[in-house]
Amino acid sequence: MPKMKTNSGAKKRFTITGSGKIKRKHAFKSHILTKKATKRKRNLTYSTLVHKADISNVKLLLAMK
């Protein structure tokens, strides 16, 4: 059986932490920033973890399952 390929888009967007959780960046931070509040833009800067409902789909894309 051939090896499973990692989804190229997913490998650019997600990283695995040391404890095995999946990290992601926030959306809505690239353009049309004038109408967004400073506090909102600042909070979009920081990365967060993938929601538990989406972990199985992301792991499939990253060929972890």
Protein backbone atom coordinates (compact mmCIF):
# COMPACT_ATOMS: atom_id res chain seq x y z
CA MET A 1 0.00 0.00 0.00
CA PRO A 2 1.41 3.46 -0.86
CA LYS A 3 2.25 6.07 1.73
CA MET A 4 -0.42 8.61 2.66
CA LYS A 5 0.31 12.08 1.35
CA THR A 6 0.08 15.12 3.60
CA ASN A 7 -2.24 17.85 2.33
CA SER A 8 0.04 20.68 1.17
CA GLY A 9 -2.30 23.45 2.33
CA ALA A 10 -2.73 21.90 5.77
CA LYS A 11 0.98 21.45 6.43
CA LYS A 12 1.47 25.19 5.88
CA ARG A 13 -1.36 26.14 8.25
CA PHE A 14 -1.07 23.80 11.24
CA THR A 15 1.75 22.89 13.63
CA ILE A 16 1.91 20.15 16.24
CA THR A 17 2.80 21.11 19.79
CA GLY A 18 5.06 19.03 22.01
CA SER A 19 2.07 17.51 23.79
CA GLY A 20 0.43 16.52 20.49
CA LYS A 21 -2.15 19.29 20.21
CA ILE A 22 -2.66 21.11 16.90
CA LYS A 23 -1.99 24.84 16.71
CA ARG A 24 -3.54 27.23 14.19
CA LYS A 25 -3.62 30.93 13.39
CA HIS A 26 -6.68 33.16 13.36
CA ALA A 27 -8.37 34.23 10.15
CA PHE A 28 -9.47 37.78 9.20
CA LYS A 29 -6.08 39.42 9.82
CA SER A 30 -4.82 39.93 6.26
CA HIS A 31 -6.73 42.84 4.71
CA ILE A 32 -9.63 45.30 5.22
CA LEU A 33 -8.19 46.12 8.65
CA THR A 34 -9.38 49.73 8.85
CA LYS A 35 -12.90 48.84 9.95
CA LYS A 36 -11.72 46.38 12.62
CA ALA A 37 -11.05 47.57 16.14
CA THR A 38 -7.48 47.63 17.43
CA LYS A 39 -8.35 45.21 20.22
CA ARG A 40 -9.87 42.77 17.74
CA LYS A 41 -6.81 42.91 15.45
CA ARG A 42 -4.48 42.43 18.40
CA ASN A 43 -6.38 39.36 19.60
CA LEU A 44 -6.29 37.86 16.09
CA THR A 45 -2.49 38.03 16.17
CA TYR A 46 -2.06 35.20 18.68
CA SER A 47 -2.31 31.55 17.71
CA THR A 48 -4.79 29.14 19.26
CA LEU A 49 -5.59 25.43 19.31
CA VAL A 50 -7.83 23.60 16.85
CA HIS A 51 -11.30 22.88 18.29
CA LYS A 52 -11.88 19.30 19.41
CA ALA A 53 -14.66 18.84 16.82
CA ASP A 54 -12.18 19.55 14.00
CA ILE A 55 -9.15 17.63 15.27
CA SER A 56 -10.00 14.39 13.47
CA ASN A 57 -10.39 16.16 10.09
CA VAL A 58 -7.13 18.06 10.51
CA LYS A 59 -5.29 14.87 11.49
CA LEU A 60 -6.53 13.20 8.30
CA LEU A 61 -5.19 16.11 6.24
CA LEU A 62 -1.85 15.89 8.02
CA ALA A 63 -1.72 12.10 7.50
CA MET A 64 -1.56 11.49 11.24
CA LYS A 65 -4.34 8.89 11.28
